[in-house]
C-alpha atoms as a PDB file:
ATOM      1  CA  MET A   1     -16.321  -6.971 -11.303  1.00  0.00           C
ATOM      2  CA  SER A   2     -18.567  -9.710  -9.973  1.00  0.00           C
ATOM      3  CA  ARG A   3     -20.138  -9.693  -6.527  1.00  0.00           C
ATOM      4  CA  TYR A   4     -18.152 -12.857  -5.637  1.00  0.00           C
ATOM      5  CA  GLN A   5     -14.869 -11.212  -6.425  1.00  0.00           C
ATOM      6  CA  THR A   6     -15.828  -8.229  -4.240  1.00  0.00           C
ATOM      7  CA  ASP A   7     -16.763 -10.575  -1.380  1.00  0.00           C
ATOM      8  CA  ASP A   8     -13.437 -12.393  -1.742  1.00  0.00           C
ATOM      9  CA  SER A   9     -11.616  -9.078  -1.524  1.00  0.00           C
ATOM     10  CA  TYR A  10     -13.426  -8.140   1.679  1.00  0.00           C
ATOM     11  CA  LEU A  11     -12.801 -11.664   3.074  1.00  0.00           C
ATOM     12  CA  ASN A  12      -9.057 -11.379   2.425  1.00  0.00           C
ATOM     13  CA  LYS A  13      -8.991  -7.998   4.172  1.00  0.00           C
ATOM     14  CA  ASP A  14     -10.878  -9.377   7.218  1.00  0.00           C
ATOM     15  CA  THR A  15      -8.624 -12.440   7.370  1.00  0.00           C
ATOM     16  CA  LYS A  16      -5.512 -10.299   7.204  1.00  0.00           C
ATOM     17  CA  LEU A  17      -6.839  -8.041  10.001  1.00  0.00           C
ATOM     18  CA  GLN A  18      -7.620 -11.047  12.222  1.00  0.00           C
ATOM     19  CA  LEU A  19      -4.138 -12.476  11.677  1.00  0.00           C
ATOM     20  CA  GLN A  20      -2.525  -9.155  12.501  1.00  0.00           C
ATOM     21  CA  GLN A  21      -4.554  -8.987  15.731  1.00  0.00           C
ATOM     22  CA  LYS A  22      -3.391 -12.509  16.646  1.00  0.00           C
ATOM     23  CA  ILE A  23       0.234 -11.506  16.009  1.00  0.00           C
ATOM     24  CA  ILE A  24      -0.128  -8.520  18.363  1.00  0.00           C
ATOM     25  CA  HIS A  25      -1.707 -10.774  21.007  1.00  0.00           C
ATOM     26  CA  TYR A  26       1.064 -13.370  20.763  1.00  0.00           C
ATOM     27  CA  HIS A  27       3.750 -10.680  20.944  1.00  0.00           C
ATOM     28  CA  SER A  28       2.146  -9.359  24.122  1.00  0.00           C
ATOM     29  CA  GLU A  29       2.029 -12.809  25.717  1.00  0.00           C
ATOM     30  CA  ILE A  30       5.663 -13.530  24.826  1.00  0.00           C
ATOM     31  CA  ILE A  31       6.806 -10.279  26.456  1.00  0.00           C
ATOM     32  CA  SER A  32       4.744 -11.122  29.561  1.00  0.00           C
ATOM     33  CA  TYR A  33       6.283 -14.570  29.882  1.00  0.00           C
ATOM     34  CA  GLN A  34       9.769 -13.233  29.272  1.00  0.00           C
ATOM     35  CA  ASN A  35       9.261 -10.790  32.149  1.00  0.00           C
ATOM     36  CA  LYS A  36       8.060 -13.642  34.358  1.00  0.00           C
ATOM     37  CA  ILE A  37      11.141 -15.693  33.498  1.00  0.00           C
ATOM     38  CA  LYS A  38      13.439 -12.791  34.352  1.00  0.00           C
ATOM     39  CA  LYS A  39      11.686 -12.385  37.690  1.00  0.00           C
ATOM     40  CA  MET A  40      11.960 -16.116  38.419  1.00  0.00           C
ATOM     41  CA  GLU A  41      15.618 -16.164  37.460  1.00  0.00           C
ATOM     42  CA  HIS A  42      16.200 -13.273  39.837  1.00  0.00           C
ATOM     43  CA  GLU A  43      14.366 -15.072  42.668  1.00  0.00           C
ATOM     44  CA  PHE A  44      16.274 -18.227  41.832  1.00  0.00           C
ATOM     45  CA  GLU A  45      19.606 -16.409  42.226  1.00  0.00           C
ATOM     46  CA  LYS A  46      18.468 -14.912  45.505  1.00  0.00           C
ATOM     47  CA  GLU A  47      17.510 -18.329  46.824  1.00  0.00           C
ATOM     48  CA  LYS A  48      20.859 -19.730  45.747  1.00  0.00           C
ATOM     49  CA  ILE A  49      22.659 -16.984  47.667  1.00  0.00           C
ATOM     50  CA  ARG A  50      20.442 -17.520  50.675  1.00  0.00           C
ATOM     51  CA  ASN A  51      21.041 -21.258  50.520  1.00  0.00           C
ATOM     52  CA  LYS A  52      24.784 -20.702  50.350  1.00  0.00           C
ATOM     53  CA  TYR A  53      24.572 -18.333  53.267  1.00  0.00           C
ATOM     54  CA  LEU A  54      22.676 -20.875  55.353  1.00  0.00           C
ATOM     55  CA  GLN A  55      25.102 -23.600  54.379  1.00  0.00           C
ATOM     56  CA  GLU A  56      27.939 -21.455  55.670  1.00  0.00           C
ATOM     57  CA  LYS A  57      26.044 -20.724  58.862  1.00  0.00           C
ATOM     58  CA  LEU A  58      25.353 -24.393  59.291  1.00  0.00           C
ATOM     59  CA  HIS A  59      29.034 -25.143  58.942  1.00  0.00           C
ATOM     60  CA  GLU A  60      29.837 -22.471  61.510  1.00  0.00           C
ATOM     61  CA  VAL A  61      27.471 -23.496  64.216  1.00  0.00           C
ATOM     62  CA  GLN A  62      27.741 -27.184  63.417  1.00  0.00           C
ATOM     63  CA  HIS A  63      25.677 -28.700  66.202  1.00  0.00           C
ATOM     64  CA  THR A  64      23.974 -25.466  67.295  1.00  0.00           C
ATOM     65  CA  ASN A  65      20.359 -25.604  66.113  1.00  0.00           C
ATOM     66  CA  LEU A  66      21.475 -28.113  63.495  1.00  0.00           C
ATOM     67  CA  GLU A  67      18.080 -29.649  63.121  1.00  0.00           C
ATOM     68  CA  SER A  68      16.287 -26.337  62.436  1.00  0.00           C
ATOM     69  CA  TYR A  69      18.913 -25.330  59.861  1.00  0.00           C
ATOM     70  CA  GLU A  70      18.617 -28.656  58.096  1.00  0.00           C
ATOM     71  CA  LYS A  71      14.847 -28.233  57.888  1.00  0.00           C
ATOM     72  CA  GLU A  72      15.234 -24.716  56.504  1.00  0.00           C
ATOM     73  CA  ILE A  73      17.778 -25.927  53.956  1.00  0.00           C
ATOM     74  CA  ALA A  74      15.446 -28.727  52.886  1.00  0.00           C
ATOM     75  CA  ALA A  75      12.619 -26.216  52.475  1.00  0.00           C
ATOM     76  CA  LEU A  76      14.839 -23.925  50.412  1.00  0.00           C
ATOM     77  CA  GLN A  77      15.954 -26.800  48.216  1.00  0.00           C
ATOM     78  CA  ALA A  78      12.324 -27.735  47.625  1.00  0.00           C
ATOM     79  CA  LYS A  79      11.577 -24.107  46.759  1.00  0.00           C
ATOM     80  CA  LEU A  80      14.507 -24.017  44.344  1.00  0.00           C
ATOM     81  CA  LEU A  81      13.202 -27.140  42.690  1.00  0.00           C
ATOM     82  CA  SER A  82       9.757 -25.590  42.259  1.00  0.00           C
ATOM     83  CA  TYR A  83      11.368 -22.500  40.675  1.00  0.00           C
ATOM     84  CA  GLU A  84      13.292 -24.710  38.272  1.00  0.00           C
ATOM     85  CA  VAL A  85      10.092 -26.523  37.257  1.00  0.00           C
ATOM     86  CA  ALA A  86       8.195 -23.237  36.808  1.00  0.00           C
ATOM     87  CA  LEU A  87      11.064 -21.818  34.756  1.00  0.00           C
ATOM     88  CA  GLU A  88      11.050 -24.823  32.446  1.00  0.00           C
ATOM     89  CA  GLU A  89       7.263 -24.530  31.999  1.00  0.00           C
ATOM     90  CA  GLU A  90       7.454 -20.836  31.093  1.00  0.00           C
ATOM     91  CA  LYS A  91      10.220 -21.497  28.564  1.00  0.00           C
ATOM     92  CA  SER A  92       8.074 -24.226  27.036  1.00  0.00           C
ATOM     93  CA  ARG A  93       5.131 -21.806  26.749  1.00  0.00           C
ATOM     94  CA  ILE A  94       7.306 -19.247  25.002  1.00  0.00           C
ATOM     95  CA  GLN A  95       8.385 -21.843  22.443  1.00  0.00           C
ATOM     96  CA  ILE A  96       4.731 -22.703  21.760  1.00  0.00           C
ATOM     97  CA  LEU A  97       3.788 -19.023  21.367  1.00  0.00           C
ATOM     98  CA  GLU A  98       6.706 -18.374  19.031  1.00  0.00           C
ATOM     99  CA  ALA A  99       5.546 -21.279  16.868  1.00  0.00           C
ATOM    100  CA  LYS A 100       2.031 -19.817  16.797  1.00  0.00           C
ATOM    101  CA  LEU A 101       3.461 -16.416  15.917  1.00  0.00           C
ATOM    102  CA  ILE A 102       5.375 -17.739  12.921  1.00  0.00           C
ATOM    103  CA  GLN A 103       2.280 -19.415  11.425  1.00  0.00           C
ATOM    104  CA  PRO A 104       0.111 -16.238  11.163  1.00  0.00           C
ATOM    105  CA  ILE A 105       3.021 -14.355   9.613  1.00  0.00           C
ATOM    106  CA  GLN A 106       3.326 -17.076   6.979  1.00  0.00           C
ATOM    107  CA  ASN A 107      -0.432 -16.941   6.414  1.00  0.00           C
ATOM    108  CA  VAL A 108      -0.337 -13.166   5.937  1.00  0.00           C
ATOM    109  CA  GLU A 109       2.465 -13.486   3.408  1.00  0.00           C
ATOM    110  CA  SER A 110       0.525 -16.163   1.521  1.00  0.00           C
ATOM    111  CA  ILE A 111      -2.612 -14.042   1.153  1.00  0.00           C
ATOM    112  CA  LYS A 112      -3.063 -12.949  -2.438  1.00  0.00           C
ATOM    113  CA  ILE A 113      -4.284  -9.411  -2.935  1.00  0.00           C
ATOM    114  CA  VAL A 114      -7.313  -9.545  -5.237  1.00  0.00           C
ATOM    115  CA  LYS A 115      -7.249  -6.547  -7.511  1.00  0.00           C
ATOM    116  CA  ALA A 116     -10.679  -5.135  -8.263  1.00  0.00           C
ATOM    117  CA  GLU A 117     -11.647  -5.250 -11.920  1.00  0.00           C
ATOM    118  CA  PRO A 118     -12.306  -1.850 -13.534  1.00  0.00           C
ATOM    119  CA  VAL A 119     -15.974  -0.860 -13.747  1.00  0.00           C
ATOM    120  CA  LEU A 120     -17.161   0.963 -16.866  1.00  0.00           C
ATOM    121  CA  ARG A 121     -20.435   2.752 -16.137  1.00  0.00           C
ATOM    122  CA  MET A 122     -21.935   5.999 -17.380  1.00  0.00           C
ATOM    123  CA  GLN A 123     -25.289   7.603 -16.618  1.00  0.00           C
ATOM    124  CA  SER A 124     -27.163  10.444 -18.305  1.00  0.00           C
ATOM    125  CA  LEU A 125     -30.466  12.223 -17.690  1.00  0.00           C
ATOM    126  CA  PHE A 126     -32.575  15.294 -18.428  1.00  0.00           C
ATOM    127  CA  ASN A 127     -33.319  17.927 -15.801  1.00  0.00           C
ATOM    128  CA  TYR A 128     -35.948  20.263 -17.246  1.00  0.00           C
ATOM    129  CA  SER A 129     -39.004  22.429 -16.679  1.00  0.00           C
ATOM    130  CA  PHE A 130     -41.665  24.124 -18.800  1.00  0.00           C
ATOM    131  CA  ILE A 131     -41.176  27.867 -18.944  1.00  0.00           C
ATOM    132  CA  ASN A 132     -44.535  28.716 -20.524  1.00  0.00           C
ATOM    133  CA  THR A 133     -47.846  26.980 -21.274  1.00  0.00           C
ATOM    134  CA  GLN A 134     -49.602  26.326 -24.536  1.00  0.00           C
ATOM    135  CA  ILE A 135     -52.190  28.747 -25.915  1.00  0.00           C
ATOM    136  CA  GLU A 136     -55.610  27.231 -26.449  1.00  0.00           C
ATOM    137  CA  ASP A 137     -56.880  26.873 -30.030  1.00  0.00           C
ATOM    138  CA  ASP A 138     -53.554  28.126 -31.439  1.00  0.00           C
ATOM    139  CA  GLU A 139     -52.161  25.245 -33.494  1.00  0.00           C
ATOM    140  CA  GLU A 140     -49.014  27.159 -34.508  1.00  0.00           C
ATOM    141  CA  SER A 141     -47.925  28.134 -30.989  1.00  0.00           C
ATOM    142  CA  PHE A 142     -44.721  26.803 -29.376  1.00  0.00           C
ATOM    143  CA  ILE A 143     -44.162  25.281 -25.983  1.00  0.00           C
ATOM    144  CA  SER A 144     -40.717  26.064 -24.559  1.00  0.00           C
ATOM    145  CA  ILE A 145     -38.763  23.761 -22.276  1.00  0.00           C
ATOM    146  CA  LEU A 146     -35.610  24.870 -20.449  1.00  0.00           C
ATOM    147  CA  GLY A 147     -33.286  22.162 -19.188  1.00  0.00           C
ATOM    148  CA  ASP A 148     -29.905  20.531 -18.615  1.00  0.00           C
ATOM    149  CA  PHE A 149     -28.518  17.256 -19.929  1.00  0.00           C
ATOM    150  CA  ILE A 150     -26.199  15.626 -17.393  1.00  0.00           C
ATOM    151  CA  ILE A 151     -23.568  12.923 -17.969  1.00  0.00           C
ATOM    152  CA  GLU A 152     -21.985  11.302 -14.907  1.00  0.00           C
ATOM    153  CA  ASN A 153     -19.190   8.745 -14.561  1.00  0.00           C
ATOM    154  CA  LEU A 154     -20.403   6.090 -12.089  1.00  0.00           C
ATOM    155  CA  GLY A 155     -17.557   3.664 -12.809  1.00  0.00           C
ATOM    156  CA  THR A 156     -13.989   3.317 -11.559  1.00  0.00           C
ATOM    157  CA  VAL A 157     -12.087   4.306 -14.726  1.00  0.00           C
ATOM    158  CA  PRO A 158     -11.893   7.672 -16.537  1.00  0.00           C
ATOM    159  CA  LEU A 159     -14.171   8.310 -19.534  1.00  0.00           C
ATOM    160  CA  HIS A 160     -12.873  10.319 -22.478  1.00  0.00           C
ATOM    161  CA  SER A 161     -14.432  12.536 -25.146  1.00  0.00           C
ATOM    162  CA  PRO A 162     -18.121  12.568 -24.108  1.00  0.00           C
ATOM    163  CA  ILE A 163     -20.705  13.163 -26.844  1.00  0.00           C
ATOM    164  CA  ILE A 164     -24.429  13.945 -26.529  1.00  0.00           C
ATOM    165  CA  CYS A 165     -27.200  13.152 -28.982  1.00  0.00           C
ATOM    166  CA  ILE A 166     -30.637  14.716 -28.446  1.00  0.00           C
ATOM    167  CA  ARG A 167     -33.333  13.449 -30.798  1.00  0.00           C
ATOM    168  CA  ILE A 168     -36.747  15.052 -31.317  1.00  0.00           C
ATOM    169  CA  VAL A 169     -39.614  12.828 -32.464  1.00  0.00           C
ATOM    170  CA  PRO A 170     -41.409  13.635 -34.756  1.00  0.00           C
ATOM    171  CA  ILE A 171     -38.556  15.220 -36.713  1.00  0.00           C
ATOM    172  CA  ASN A 172     -40.358  18.476 -37.545  1.00  0.00           C
ATOM    173  CA  ALA A 173     -41.904  18.915 -34.095  1.00  0.00           C
ATOM    174  CA  GLY A 174     -39.459  21.563 -32.900  1.00  0.00           C
ATOM    175  CA  HIS A 175     -35.844  22.594 -32.554  1.00  0.00           C
ATOM    176  CA  LEU A 176     -33.050  22.709 -29.961  1.00  0.00           C
ATOM    177  CA  SER A 177     -30.981  25.749 -29.049  1.00  0.00           C
ATOM    178  CA  GLY A 178     -28.351  26.466 -26.410  1.00  0.00           C
ATOM    179  CA  LYS A 179     -24.703  27.329 -25.885  1.00  0.00           C
ATOM    180  CA  ILE A 180     -23.509  25.596 -29.047  1.00  0.00           C
ATOM    181  CA  ALA A 181     -20.659  27.050 -31.110  1.00  0.00           C
ATOM    182  CA  ILE A 182     -21.428  26.885 -34.830  1.00  0.00           C
ATOM    183  CA  ASN A 183     -17.849  27.480 -36.007  1.00  0.00           C
ATOM    184  CA  GLN A 184     -15.857  24.349 -35.089  1.00  0.00           C
ATOM    185  CA  SER A 185     -12.560  26.074 -35.813  1.00  0.00           C
ATOM    186  CA  ILE A 186     -12.944  28.337 -32.765  1.00  0.00           C
ATOM    187  CA  SER A 187      -9.796  28.411 -30.646  1.00  0.00           C
ATOM    188  CA  GLY A 188     -10.051  26.364 -27.479  1.00  0.00           C
ATOM    189  CA  SER A 189      -8.454  29.193 -25.463  1.00  0.00           C
ATOM    190  CA  GLN A 190     -11.560  31.282 -26.148  1.00  0.00           C
ATOM    191  CA  PHE A 191     -13.504  28.999 -23.814  1.00  0.00           C
ATOM    192  CA  GLU A 192     -10.903  28.161 -21.187  1.00  0.00           C
ATOM    193  CA  ASP A 193     -13.002  29.682 -18.393  1.00  0.00           C
ATOM    194  CA  SER A 194     -16.199  27.832 -19.340  1.00  0.00           C
ATOM    195  CA  LEU A 195     -15.181  24.312 -20.302  1.00  0.00           C
ATOM    196  CA  GLN A 196     -18.373  22.793 -18.964  1.00  0.00           C
ATOM    197  CA  GLU A 197     -20.598  25.363 -20.725  1.00  0.00           C
ATOM    198  CA  GLU A 198     -19.342  25.633 -24.310  1.00  0.00           C
ATOM    199  CA  TRP A 199     -20.331  22.968 -26.802  1.00  0.00           C
ATOM    200  CA  GLN A 200     -20.091  22.502 -30.547  1.00  0.00           C
ATOM    201  CA  PHE A 201     -21.684  20.291 -33.165  1.00  0.00           C
ATOM    202  CA  VAL A 202     -19.921  17.005 -33.860  1.00  0.00           C
ATOM    203  CA  HIS A 203     -20.628  16.960 -37.597  1.00  0.00           C
ATOM    204  CA  GLU A 204     -20.014  19.681 -40.123  1.00  0.00           C
ATOM    205  CA  ASN A 205     -23.288  18.744 -41.813  1.00  0.00           C
ATOM    206  CA  TRP A 206     -25.195  18.979 -38.529  1.00  0.00           C
ATOM    207  CA  LYS A 207     -28.138  20.701 -40.216  1.00  0.00           C
ATOM    208  CA  GLU A 208     -28.654  17.645 -42.413  1.00  0.00           C
ATOM    209  CA  LYS A 209     -28.646  15.440 -39.300  1.00  0.00           C
ATOM    210  CA  VAL A 210     -31.351  17.619 -37.789  1.00  0.00           C
ATOM    211  CA  LYS A 211     -33.482  17.701 -40.938  1.00  0.00           C
ATOM    212  CA  GLY A 212     -33.045  14.018 -41.749  1.00  0.00           C
ATOM    213  CA  LYS A 213     -33.326  12.412 -38.301  1.00  0.00           C
ATOM    214  CA  GLY A 214     -34.172  15.185 -35.850  1.00  0.00           C
ATOM    215  CA  GLU A 215     -30.832  14.524 -34.108  1.00  0.00           C
ATOM    216  CA  TYR A 216     -28.551  17.108 -32.496  1.00  0.00           C
ATOM    217  CA  TRP A 217     -25.020  15.717 -31.981  1.00  0.00           C
ATOM    218  CA  ILE A 218     -22.827  17.889 -29.747  1.00  0.00           C
ATOM    219  CA  LYS A 219     -19.551  17.639 -27.822  1.00  0.00           C
ATOM    220  CA  PRO A 220     -17.481  19.928 -25.544  1.00  0.00           C
ATOM    221  CA  VAL A 221     -15.348  22.489 -27.350  1.00  0.00           C
ATOM    222  CA  LYS A 222     -12.255  21.276 -25.487  1.00  0.00           C
ATOM    223  CA  GLN A 223     -11.150  17.698 -24.871  1.00  0.00           C
ATOM    224  CA  VAL A 224     -12.783  16.413 -21.690  1.00  0.00           C
ATOM    225  CA  THR A 225     -11.916  13.507 -19.371  1.00  0.00           C
ATOM    226  CA  LEU A 226     -14.541  12.448 -16.829  1.00  0.00           C
ATOM    227  CA  ASN A 227     -12.887  10.878 -13.807  1.00  0.00           C
ATOM    228  CA  PRO A 228     -14.902   8.576 -11.514  1.00  0.00           C
ATOM    229  CA  SER A 229     -17.795  10.451  -9.802  1.00  0.00           C
ATOM    230  CA  GLU A 230     -17.336  13.492 -12.053  1.00  0.00           C
ATOM    231  CA  ARG A 231     -20.048  14.896 -14.317  1.00  0.00           C
ATOM    232  CA  ILE A 232     -20.409  17.214 -17.270  1.00  0.00           C
ATOM    233  CA  ILE A 233     -23.539  19.250 -18.037  1.00  0.00           C
ATOM    234  CA  PHE A 234     -24.983  20.647 -21.262  1.00  0.00           C
ATOM    235  CA  SER A 235     -26.745  23.414 -19.388  1.00  0.00           C
ATOM    236  CA  ASN A 236     -29.586  25.798 -20.137  1.00  0.00           C
ATOM    237  CA  PHE A 237     -30.611  24.318 -23.466  1.00  0.00           C
ATOM    238  CA  GLU A 238     -34.019  25.283 -24.828  1.00  0.00           C
ATOM    239  CA  LEU A 239     -36.470  23.098 -26.685  1.00  0.00           C
ATOM    240  CA  ASN A 240     -39.103  24.939 -28.691  1.00  0.00           C
ATOM    241  CA  LEU A 241     -41.789  22.416 -29.590  1.00  0.00           C
ATOM    242  CA  LYS A 242     -44.679  23.038 -31.945  1.00  0.00           C
ATOM    243  CA  ARG A 243     -48.097  22.423 -30.477  1.00  0.00           C
ATOM    244  CA  ILE A 244     -49.687  20.384 -33.252  1.00  0.00           C
ATOM    245  CA  VAL A 245     -52.755  18.460 -32.127  1.00  0.00           C
ATOM    246  CA  GLU A 246     -52.521  15.838 -34.880  1.00  0.00           C
ATOM    247  CA  GLN A 247     -49.088  14.696 -33.700  1.00  0.00           C
ATOM    248  CA  GLY A 248     -50.368  13.310 -30.403  1.00  0.00           C
ATOM    249  CA  SER A 249     -47.072  13.335 -28.449  1.00  0.00           C
ATOM    250  CA  ILE A 250     -43.671  14.956 -28.883  1.00  0.00           C
ATOM    251  CA  ILE A 251     -40.672  13.148 -27.412  1.00  0.00           C
ATOM    252  CA  ALA A 252     -37.130  14.374 -26.820  1.00  0.00           C
ATOM    253  CA  GLU A 253     -34.684  11.515 -26.226  1.00  0.00           C
ATOM    254  CA  GLY A 254     -31.109  11.762 -24.988  1.00  0.00           C
ATOM    255  CA  PHE A 255     -28.092   9.502 -25.538  1.00  0.00           C
ATOM    256  CA  ALA A 256     -24.562   9.697 -24.107  1.00  0.00           C
ATOM    257  CA  TYR A 257     -21.380   8.379 -25.749  1.00  0.00           C
ATOM    258  CA  CYS A 258     -17.654   8.339 -24.996  1.00  0.00           C
ATOM    259  CA  SER A 259     -14.507   6.662 -26.329  1.00  0.00           C
ATOM    260  CA  GLU A 260     -14.913   3.769 -23.880  1.00  0.00           C
ATOM    261  CA  ILE A 261     -18.658   3.321 -24.625  1.00  0.00           C
ATOM    262  CA  PRO A 262     -18.899   3.978 -28.378  1.00  0.00           C
ATOM    263  CA  ASN A 263     -22.371   2.416 -28.700  1.00  0.00           C
ATOM    264  CA  GLY A 264     -23.743   4.862 -26.171  1.00  0.00           C
ATOM    265  CA  ILE A 265     -26.383   4.594 -23.478  1.00  0.00           C
ATOM    266  CA  PRO A 266     -29.890   6.130 -23.415  1.00  0.00           C
ATOM    267  CA  ALA A 267     -30.757   8.739 -20.812  1.00  0.00           C
ATOM    268  CA  LEU A 268     -32.627   7.611 -17.712  1.00  0.00           C
ATOM    269  CA  ASN A 269     -35.613   9.762 -18.690  1.00  0.00           C
ATOM    270  CA  LYS A 270     -37.267  11.377 -21.711  1.00  0.00           C
ATOM    271  CA  ILE A 271     -39.059  14.659 -22.242  1.00  0.00           C
ATOM    272  CA  ILE A 272     -42.584  13.745 -23.317  1.00  0.00           C
ATOM    273  CA  LEU A 273     -45.186  16.318 -24.279  1.00  0.00           C
ATOM    274  CA  ASN A 274     -48.721  15.047 -24.829  1.00  0.00           C
ATOM    275  CA  MET A 275     -50.891  17.270 -27.002  1.00  0.00           C
END
């Protein structure tokens, strides 16, 4: 997934949120104006009743205080007129707000949801330490390294059937040992309680792979699926490396594979021993 597509997705979400906020605002204003109209209509009815009452009184008294009644009636008529004008204005405002309300709803419906593209990403690394030091002037001594090899799914899709390759260079510089089942026909139920700990060699001729290329190919005994953010660990392996001065450096390299990444990826670090 490209950065631009991610930005577009966030933009669509922000736009949708803004439109929803506008809709809430317009709804609130419409309710307010509707309440005002109801109040005005109520006042208008009251004034009509009052006007009728005064008209009746005027008819009754005829010439008694006629002038004052006529002035009061004129004032009430002017007030009624102002209420009518205000009522028309509020109705006009409601029509405008309703039109504005319809437009954001249409905009929300027209927004296309951008689906994020799946991300395929795997990471692997060594975590190790030396458990003893070399012996001076002893060319046949071994240096032991205890460590873990970690594979982690950093993508957004599951990864299936992880495989590890650990290669020692030079080929005859040492050997790898750990929790690796030699017999590949072992029942999976035997390791149900330790899925992350039990491994087996990928190839039946694994010894030839070691002798010919210095490569140890291993996989979990049971089928494994790494979901996003999950990891699997080949733990507590031991590298016994020969301390041979003429070789200069001994390097242990790691590679991780899975069904989705058949070409594999190298580990983030290497184990390097300088003689």
